[in-house]
Amino acid sequence: MNDAIKAIDDYARILFRYRIRTEWETRERCAEKGFDSESIEALIERLKERGLLDDDRFLRMYLYEGLTLKKKGIYVLREELSRLGIARDQIMEAWRALSKREDIPALLAQWASKEKSFDPNRWKTKMLKRGFESGDIGQALEVLEDRD
């Protein structure tokens, strides 16, 4: 293994130690570090062959974790993913698939029911700022009203 390959592989290990990356992000970070485009493209291919670089898997994981762990809605997640080089149509397609598996209004209602002092208007504003769609928020509020 020559020194250039070893250097870029070592840098990729550092990048991937913290979290998985998108192809665009990996390419950008390597270019910023001064690696030539030929070395970067060779690295991208090696990472793909090893299954370490997969934008579709990254997207699905990012959306799922963003929704369920970080309590972020599509508008916030879409902006974050766009900054990481994922196309908006690809993001929306993955979000629709996730929405079919996860009952987002039910999740919102579950989170709201755990609030210590629940004020529907303040909670709605909070969820809008977190990027959730107003329709999902409205459905969650209906679920909460039905429980009372």
N, C-alpha and C. Protein backbone atom coordinates (compact mmCIF):
# COMPACT_ATOMS: atom_id res chain seq x y z
N MET A 1 0.85 -1.17 0.00
CA MET A 1 0.00 0.00 0.00
C MET A 1 0.90 1.24 0.00
N ASN A 2 0.64 2.14 -0.98
CA ASN A 2 1.50 3.32 -1.01
C ASN A 2 1.06 4.34 0.04
N ASP A 3 1.89 5.36 0.25
CA ASP A 3 1.66 6.33 1.32
C ASP A 3 0.37 7.13 1.12
N ALA A 4 0.03 7.48 -0.12
CA ALA A 4 -1.18 8.28 -0.38
C ALA A 4 -2.43 7.47 -0.02
N ILE A 5 -2.45 6.20 -0.39
CA ILE A 5 -3.60 5.35 -0.07
C ILE A 5 -3.71 5.18 1.44
N LYS A 6 -2.58 4.93 2.09
CA LYS A 6 -2.60 4.77 3.55
C LYS A 6 -3.08 6.05 4.22
N ALA A 7 -2.64 7.19 3.76
CA ALA A 7 -3.02 8.46 4.37
C ALA A 7 -4.52 8.71 4.25
N ILE A 8 -5.07 8.49 3.07
CA ILE A 8 -6.51 8.73 2.90
C ILE A 8 -7.34 7.68 3.62
N ASP A 9 -6.86 6.44 3.67
CA ASP A 9 -7.57 5.40 4.44
C ASP A 9 -7.56 5.74 5.93
N ASP A 10 -6.43 6.23 6.43
CA ASP A 10 -6.35 6.62 7.84
C ASP A 10 -7.31 7.77 8.13
N TYR A 11 -7.38 8.72 7.21
CA TYR A 11 -8.30 9.85 7.40
C TYR A 11 -9.75 9.38 7.38
N ALA A 12 -10.07 8.45 6.50
CA ALA A 12 -11.44 7.91 6.43
C ALA A 12 -11.80 7.20 7.73
N ARG A 13 -10.85 6.48 8.31
CA ARG A 13 -11.11 5.82 9.60
C ARG A 13 -11.46 6.84 10.67
N ILE A 14 -10.77 7.97 10.67
CA ILE A 14 -11.06 9.03 11.63
C ILE A 14 -12.47 9.57 11.39
N LEU A 15 -12.81 9.84 10.13
CA LEU A 15 -14.14 10.35 9.80
C LEU A 15 -15.24 9.40 10.25
N PHE A 16 -15.07 8.13 9.95
CA PHE A 16 -16.10 7.13 10.22
C PHE A 16 -16.11 6.67 11.68
N ARG A 17 -15.12 7.06 12.43
CA ARG A 17 -15.09 6.69 13.84
C ARG A 17 -16.22 7.38 14.59
N TYR A 18 -16.56 8.58 14.17
CA TYR A 18 -17.58 9.37 14.87
C TYR A 18 -19.00 9.02 14.42
N ARG A 19 -19.19 8.83 13.13
CA ARG A 19 -20.49 8.44 12.59
C ARG A 19 -20.30 8.07 11.13
N ILE A 20 -21.29 7.36 10.57
CA ILE A 20 -21.20 7.06 9.15
C ILE A 20 -21.39 8.36 8.37
N ARG A 21 -20.93 8.39 7.16
CA ARG A 21 -20.95 9.60 6.34
C ARG A 21 -21.64 9.34 5.01
N THR A 22 -22.05 10.42 4.37
CA THR A 22 -22.58 10.30 3.01
C THR A 22 -21.41 10.31 2.04
N GLU A 23 -21.69 9.88 0.83
CA GLU A 23 -20.66 9.90 -0.21
C GLU A 23 -20.20 11.35 -0.45
N TRP A 24 -21.14 12.27 -0.56
CA TRP A 24 -20.80 13.68 -0.81
C TRP A 24 -19.95 14.23 0.33
N GLU A 25 -20.36 13.96 1.57
CA GLU A 25 -19.65 14.46 2.73
C GLU A 25 -18.23 13.89 2.79
N THR A 26 -18.08 12.61 2.50
CA THR A 26 -16.76 11.97 2.50
C THR A 26 -15.86 12.61 1.45
N ARG A 27 -16.43 12.80 0.28
CA ARG A 27 -15.69 13.42 -0.82
C ARG A 27 -15.25 14.85 -0.43
N GLU A 28 -16.18 15.62 0.12
CA GLU A 28 -15.88 17.01 0.50
C GLU A 28 -14.82 17.09 1.60
N ARG A 29 -14.98 16.27 2.62
CA ARG A 29 -14.03 16.32 3.73
C ARG A 29 -12.62 15.91 3.29
N CYS A 30 -12.54 14.92 2.42
CA CYS A 30 -11.23 14.50 1.91
C CYS A 30 -10.60 15.59 1.03
N ALA A 31 -11.42 16.24 0.23
CA ALA A 31 -10.91 17.32 -0.63
C ALA A 31 -10.42 18.48 0.24
N GLU A 32 -11.17 18.81 1.29
CA GLU A 32 -10.75 19.88 2.20
C GLU A 32 -9.42 19.55 2.86
N LYS A 33 -9.18 18.28 3.08
CA LYS A 33 -7.94 17.84 3.72
C LYS A 33 -6.77 17.83 2.72
N GLY A 34 -7.09 18.06 1.42
CA GLY A 34 -6.03 18.18 0.43
C GLY A 34 -5.74 16.93 -0.38
N PHE A 35 -6.55 15.91 -0.28
CA PHE A 35 -6.35 14.70 -1.07
C PHE A 35 -6.77 14.96 -2.51
N ASP A 36 -6.08 14.35 -3.46
CA ASP A 36 -6.40 14.55 -4.88
C ASP A 36 -7.65 13.76 -5.24
N SER A 37 -8.31 14.19 -6.31
CA SER A 37 -9.59 13.59 -6.70
C SER A 37 -9.46 12.11 -7.06
N GLU A 38 -8.35 11.71 -7.63
CA GLU A 38 -8.16 10.29 -7.98
C GLU A 38 -8.12 9.43 -6.72
N SER A 39 -7.41 9.87 -5.69
CA SER A 39 -7.35 9.13 -4.42
C SER A 39 -8.71 9.10 -3.75
N ILE A 40 -9.43 10.21 -3.83
CA ILE A 40 -10.75 10.29 -3.21
C ILE A 40 -11.71 9.31 -3.88
N GLU A 41 -11.73 9.29 -5.20
CA GLU A 41 -12.63 8.38 -5.92
C GLU A 41 -12.27 6.92 -5.65
N ALA A 42 -10.98 6.63 -5.55
CA ALA A 42 -10.57 5.25 -5.23
C ALA A 42 -11.04 4.88 -3.81
N LEU A 43 -10.93 5.82 -2.88
CA LEU A 43 -11.41 5.59 -1.52
C LEU A 43 -12.91 5.34 -1.51
N ILE A 44 -13.65 6.18 -2.22
CA ILE A 44 -15.11 6.04 -2.29
C ILE A 44 -15.47 4.63 -2.78
N GLU A 45 -14.81 4.17 -3.82
CA GLU A 45 -15.09 2.83 -4.35
C GLU A 45 -14.77 1.75 -3.33
N ARG A 46 -13.63 1.87 -2.64
CA ARG A 46 -13.26 0.87 -1.63
C ARG A 46 -14.29 0.85 -0.49
N LEU A 47 -14.73 2.03 -0.06
CA LEU A 47 -15.71 2.10 1.02
C LEU A 47 -17.05 1.50 0.60
N LYS A 48 -17.45 1.75 -0.64
CA LYS A 48 -18.70 1.17 -1.16
C LYS A 48 -18.59 -0.35 -1.24
N GLU A 49 -17.47 -0.83 -1.74
CA GLU A 49 -17.27 -2.29 -1.86
C GLU A 49 -17.35 -2.98 -0.50
N ARG A 50 -16.84 -2.31 0.54
CA ARG A 50 -16.86 -2.88 1.89
C ARG A 50 -18.21 -2.66 2.58
N GLY A 51 -19.11 -1.94 1.94
CA GLY A 51 -20.42 -1.66 2.54
C GLY A 51 -20.38 -0.57 3.60
N LEU A 52 -19.30 0.19 3.64
CA LEU A 52 -19.16 1.25 4.63
C LEU A 52 -19.74 2.58 4.17
N LEU A 53 -19.99 2.69 2.89
CA LEU A 53 -20.53 3.93 2.32
C LEU A 53 -21.77 3.58 1.52
N ASP A 54 -22.93 3.93 2.09
CA ASP A 54 -24.20 3.60 1.47
C ASP A 54 -25.19 4.73 1.82
N ASP A 55 -25.39 5.64 0.88
CA ASP A 55 -26.24 6.81 1.14
C ASP A 55 -27.67 6.43 1.47
N ASP A 56 -28.20 5.38 0.87
CA ASP A 56 -29.58 4.97 1.18
C ASP A 56 -29.70 4.50 2.63
N ARG A 57 -28.76 3.70 3.07
CA ARG A 57 -28.77 3.23 4.46
C ARG A 57 -28.58 4.41 5.42
N PHE A 58 -27.66 5.30 5.08
CA PHE A 58 -27.42 6.49 5.89
C PHE A 58 -28.71 7.30 6.03
N LEU A 59 -29.40 7.51 4.92
CA LEU A 59 -30.63 8.29 4.91
C LEU A 59 -31.70 7.66 5.79
N ARG A 60 -31.92 6.37 5.63
CA ARG A 60 -32.93 5.68 6.44
C ARG A 60 -32.61 5.76 7.93
N MET A 61 -31.35 5.54 8.27
CA MET A 61 -30.94 5.59 9.68
C MET A 61 -31.07 7.01 10.24
N TYR A 62 -30.65 7.99 9.47
CA TYR A 62 -30.69 9.38 9.92
C TYR A 62 -32.13 9.82 10.17
N LEU A 63 -33.03 9.48 9.25
CA LEU A 63 -34.43 9.84 9.43
C LEU A 63 -35.04 9.14 10.64
N TYR A 64 -34.81 7.84 10.76
CA TYR A 64 -35.39 7.08 11.87
C TYR A 64 -34.88 7.61 13.22
N GLU A 65 -33.57 7.78 13.33
CA GLU A 65 -33.01 8.26 14.59
C GLU A 65 -33.42 9.70 14.85
N GLY A 66 -33.47 10.51 13.81
CA GLY A 66 -33.90 11.89 13.98
C GLY A 66 -35.32 11.98 14.50
N LEU A 67 -36.19 11.14 13.96
CA LEU A 67 -37.59 11.13 14.40
C LEU A 67 -37.73 10.54 15.80
N THR A 68 -37.24 9.33 16.00
CA THR A 68 -37.54 8.61 17.23
C THR A 68 -36.66 8.99 18.42
N LEU A 69 -35.41 9.34 18.17
CA LEU A 69 -34.51 9.65 19.28
C LEU A 69 -34.38 11.15 19.53
N LYS A 70 -34.29 11.90 18.44
CA LYS A 70 -34.06 13.35 18.58
C LYS A 70 -35.34 14.17 18.47
N LYS A 71 -36.44 13.48 18.16
CA LYS A 71 -37.75 14.12 18.06
C LYS A 71 -37.75 15.30 17.10
N LYS A 72 -37.26 15.03 15.89
CA LYS A 72 -37.23 16.05 14.84
C LYS A 72 -38.20 15.65 13.74
N GLY A 73 -38.82 16.65 13.13
CA GLY A 73 -39.74 16.42 12.04
C GLY A 73 -39.06 16.54 10.69
N ILE A 74 -39.85 16.31 9.65
CA ILE A 74 -39.32 16.26 8.29
C ILE A 74 -38.67 17.56 7.86
N TYR A 75 -39.21 18.69 8.22
CA TYR A 75 -38.65 19.96 7.73
C TYR A 75 -37.24 20.19 8.26
N VAL A 76 -37.01 19.90 9.52
CA VAL A 76 -35.67 20.05 10.10
C VAL A 76 -34.74 18.98 9.53
N LEU A 77 -35.20 17.74 9.48
CA LEU A 77 -34.37 16.65 8.97
C LEU A 77 -34.02 16.84 7.50
N ARG A 78 -34.97 17.33 6.72
CA ARG A 78 -34.71 17.57 5.30
C ARG A 78 -33.59 18.59 5.11
N GLU A 79 -33.61 19.65 5.91
CA GLU A 79 -32.55 20.66 5.80
C GLU A 79 -31.20 20.09 6.22
N GLU A 80 -31.17 19.32 7.29
CA GLU A 80 -29.91 18.72 7.75
C GLU A 80 -29.35 17.78 6.69
N LEU A 81 -30.22 16.94 6.15
CA LEU A 81 -29.76 15.97 5.14
C LEU A 81 -29.34 16.64 3.84
N SER A 82 -30.00 17.72 3.48
CA SER A 82 -29.60 18.46 2.28
C SER A 82 -28.19 19.00 2.44
N ARG A 83 -27.86 19.46 3.64
CA ARG A 83 -26.50 19.96 3.90
C ARG A 83 -25.47 18.84 3.84
N LEU A 84 -25.91 17.59 3.96
CA LEU A 84 -25.00 16.45 3.89
C LEU A 84 -24.95 15.83 2.50
N GLY A 85 -25.59 16.51 1.53
CA GLY A 85 -25.50 16.08 0.15
C GLY A 85 -26.56 15.11 -0.33
N ILE A 86 -27.63 14.94 0.42
CA ILE A 86 -28.70 14.03 0.00
C ILE A 86 -29.76 14.86 -0.74
N ALA A 87 -30.20 14.35 -1.88
CA ALA A 87 -31.19 15.05 -2.70
C ALA A 87 -32.55 15.09 -2.01
N ARG A 88 -33.26 16.21 -2.16
CA ARG A 88 -34.55 16.39 -1.49
C ARG A 88 -35.57 15.33 -1.90
N ASP A 89 -35.62 14.98 -3.18
CA ASP A 89 -36.60 13.97 -3.60
C ASP A 89 -36.30 12.62 -2.96
N GLN A 90 -35.05 12.30 -2.80
CA GLN A 90 -34.64 11.06 -2.14
C GLN A 90 -35.04 11.09 -0.66
N ILE A 91 -34.87 12.25 -0.03
CA ILE A 91 -35.24 12.43 1.38
C ILE A 91 -36.74 12.22 1.54
N MET A 92 -37.52 12.86 0.68
CA MET A 92 -38.98 12.79 0.81
C MET A 92 -39.50 11.38 0.55
N GLU A 93 -38.89 10.68 -0.39
CA GLU A 93 -39.28 9.29 -0.66
C GLU A 93 -39.02 8.42 0.57
N ALA A 94 -37.86 8.60 1.19
CA ALA A 94 -37.53 7.82 2.39
C ALA A 94 -38.44 8.20 3.56
N TRP A 95 -38.79 9.48 3.66
CA TRP A 95 -39.69 9.93 4.73
C TRP A 95 -41.07 9.31 4.57
N ARG A 96 -41.56 9.27 3.34
CA ARG A 96 -42.87 8.65 3.10
C ARG A 96 -42.86 7.18 3.51
N ALA A 97 -41.78 6.49 3.19
CA ALA A 97 -41.66 5.08 3.59
C ALA A 97 -41.62 4.95 5.11
N LEU A 98 -40.89 5.82 5.77
CA LEU A 98 -40.81 5.80 7.23
C LEU A 98 -42.18 6.11 7.84
N SER A 99 -42.88 7.07 7.25
CA SER A 99 -44.21 7.46 7.75
C SER A 99 -45.22 6.32 7.66
N LYS A 100 -45.02 5.41 6.70
CA LYS A 100 -45.91 4.25 6.59
C LYS A 100 -45.65 3.25 7.72
N ARG A 101 -44.40 3.18 8.18
CA ARG A 101 -44.04 2.24 9.24
C ARG A 101 -44.27 2.83 10.64
N GLU A 102 -44.04 4.11 10.78
CA GLU A 102 -44.15 4.77 12.08
C GLU A 102 -45.38 5.67 12.09
N ASP A 103 -46.21 5.54 13.08
CA ASP A 103 -47.39 6.39 13.22
C ASP A 103 -46.95 7.69 13.88
N ILE A 104 -46.63 8.69 13.07
CA ILE A 104 -46.06 9.92 13.58
C ILE A 104 -47.02 10.65 14.52
N PRO A 105 -48.31 10.80 14.18
CA PRO A 105 -49.21 11.45 15.15
C PRO A 105 -49.28 10.71 16.49
N ALA A 106 -49.22 9.38 16.46
CA ALA A 106 -49.23 8.61 17.71
C ALA A 106 -47.95 8.86 18.52
N LEU A 107 -46.81 8.95 17.82
CA LEU A 107 -45.55 9.27 18.51
C LEU A 107 -45.63 10.64 19.16
N LEU A 108 -46.14 11.62 18.40
CA LEU A 108 -46.28 12.97 18.94
C LEU A 108 -47.19 12.99 20.16
N ALA A 109 -48.31 12.27 20.08
CA ALA A 109 -49.24 12.20 21.20
C ALA A 109 -48.58 11.55 22.41
N GLN A 110 -47.80 10.53 22.17
CA GLN A 110 -47.09 9.85 23.26
C GLN A 110 -46.12 10.81 23.94
N TRP A 111 -45.36 11.56 23.13
CA TRP A 111 -44.41 12.53 23.70
C TRP A 111 -45.15 13.62 24.46
N ALA A 112 -46.26 14.09 23.90
CA ALA A 112 -47.03 15.16 24.54
C ALA A 112 -47.59 14.70 25.88
N SER A 113 -48.01 13.45 25.95
CA SER A 113 -48.60 12.95 27.19
C SER A 113 -47.57 12.87 28.32
N LYS A 114 -46.30 12.91 27.98
CA LYS A 114 -45.25 12.86 29.00
C LYS A 114 -44.81 14.24 29.47
N GLU A 115 -45.37 15.29 28.86
CA GLU A 115 -45.05 16.66 29.27
C GLU A 115 -45.60 16.89 30.68
N LYS A 116 -44.83 17.56 31.51
CA LYS A 116 -45.27 17.79 32.88
C LYS A 116 -46.45 18.75 32.95
N SER A 117 -46.33 19.88 32.33
CA SER A 117 -47.46 20.81 32.27
C SER A 117 -47.76 21.04 30.80
N PHE A 118 -48.82 20.43 30.34
CA PHE A 118 -49.13 20.43 28.91
C PHE A 118 -50.03 21.61 28.54
N ASP A 119 -49.49 22.46 27.68
CA ASP A 119 -50.25 23.57 27.10
C ASP A 119 -50.29 23.29 25.60
N PRO A 120 -51.46 22.96 25.05
CA PRO A 120 -51.54 22.56 23.63
C PRO A 120 -50.94 23.59 22.66
N ASN A 121 -51.15 24.87 22.91
CA ASN A 121 -50.62 25.89 22.00
C ASN A 121 -49.10 25.97 22.05
N ARG A 122 -48.56 25.94 23.25
CA ARG A 122 -47.09 25.97 23.39
C ARG A 122 -46.47 24.71 22.80
N TRP A 123 -47.11 23.58 23.05
CA TRP A 123 -46.59 22.31 22.53
C TRP A 123 -46.64 22.31 21.01
N LYS A 124 -47.73 22.80 20.42
CA LYS A 124 -47.85 22.87 18.96
C LYS A 124 -46.74 23.73 18.38
N THR A 125 -46.48 24.89 18.98
CA THR A 125 -45.41 25.78 18.52
C THR A 125 -44.06 25.08 18.61
N LYS A 126 -43.84 24.37 19.70
CA LYS A 126 -42.58 23.62 19.91
C LYS A 126 -42.40 22.57 18.83
N MET A 127 -43.45 21.83 18.51
CA MET A 127 -43.36 20.78 17.50
C MET A 127 -43.18 21.36 16.09
N LEU A 128 -43.79 22.49 15.82
CA LEU A 128 -43.59 23.16 14.53
C LEU A 128 -42.13 23.58 14.39
N LYS A 129 -41.55 24.11 15.45
CA LYS A 129 -40.14 24.51 15.43
C LYS A 129 -39.22 23.31 15.25
N ARG A 130 -39.67 22.15 15.72
CA ARG A 130 -38.87 20.93 15.57
C ARG A 130 -39.04 20.32 14.18
N GLY A 131 -39.90 20.93 13.36
CA GLY A 131 -40.01 20.50 11.97
C GLY A 131 -41.14 19.55 11.65
N PHE A 132 -42.08 19.38 12.55
CA PHE A 132 -43.19 18.47 12.27
C PHE A 132 -44.26 19.17 11.45
N GLU A 133 -44.97 18.38 10.67
CA GLU A 133 -46.04 18.91 9.83
C GLU A 133 -47.25 19.23 10.69
N SER A 134 -47.94 20.33 10.35
CA SER A 134 -49.08 20.76 11.16
C SER A 134 -50.19 19.71 11.17
N GLY A 135 -50.36 18.97 10.08
CA GLY A 135 -51.37 17.91 10.04
C GLY A 135 -51.10 16.83 11.06
N ASP A 136 -49.85 16.41 11.17
CA ASP A 136 -49.49 15.38 12.17
C ASP A 136 -49.69 15.91 13.58
N ILE A 137 -49.35 17.17 13.79
CA ILE A 137 -49.53 17.77 15.12
C ILE A 137 -51.02 17.83 15.47
N GLY A 138 -51.82 18.24 14.50
CA GLY A 138 -53.26 18.31 14.71
C GLY A 138 -53.85 16.95 15.04
N GLN A 139 -53.42 15.92 14.33
CA GLN A 139 -53.90 14.57 14.61
C GLN A 139 -53.49 14.11 16.01
N ALA A 140 -52.27 14.47 16.40
CA ALA A 140 -51.80 14.11 17.74
C ALA A 140 -52.66 14.79 18.81
N LEU A 141 -52.98 16.04 18.58
CA LEU A 141 -53.83 16.76 19.54
C LEU A 141 -55.22 16.14 19.62
N GLU A 142 -55.74 15.66 18.48
CA GLU A 142 -57.04 14.98 18.48
C GLU A 142 -56.98 13.69 19.30
N VAL A 143 -55.89 12.95 19.13
CA VAL A 143 -55.70 11.71 19.90
C VAL A 143 -55.70 12.03 21.39
N LEU A 144 -55.01 13.09 21.76
CA LEU A 144 -54.94 13.49 23.18
C LEU A 144 -56.32 13.91 23.70
N GLU A 145 -57.08 14.61 22.89
CA GLU A 145 -58.43 15.03 23.30
C GLU A 145 -59.32 13.82 23.49
N ASP A 146 -59.20 12.82 22.61
CA ASP A 146 -60.00 11.60 22.71
C ASP A 146 -59.70 10.83 23.99
N ARG A 147 -58.46 10.91 24.46
CA ARG A 147 -58.07 10.21 25.68
C ARG A 147 -58.68 10.84 26.92
N ASP A 148 -58.91 12.13 26.87
CA ASP A 148 -59.43 12.86 28.05
C ASP A 148 -60.87 12.60 28.31
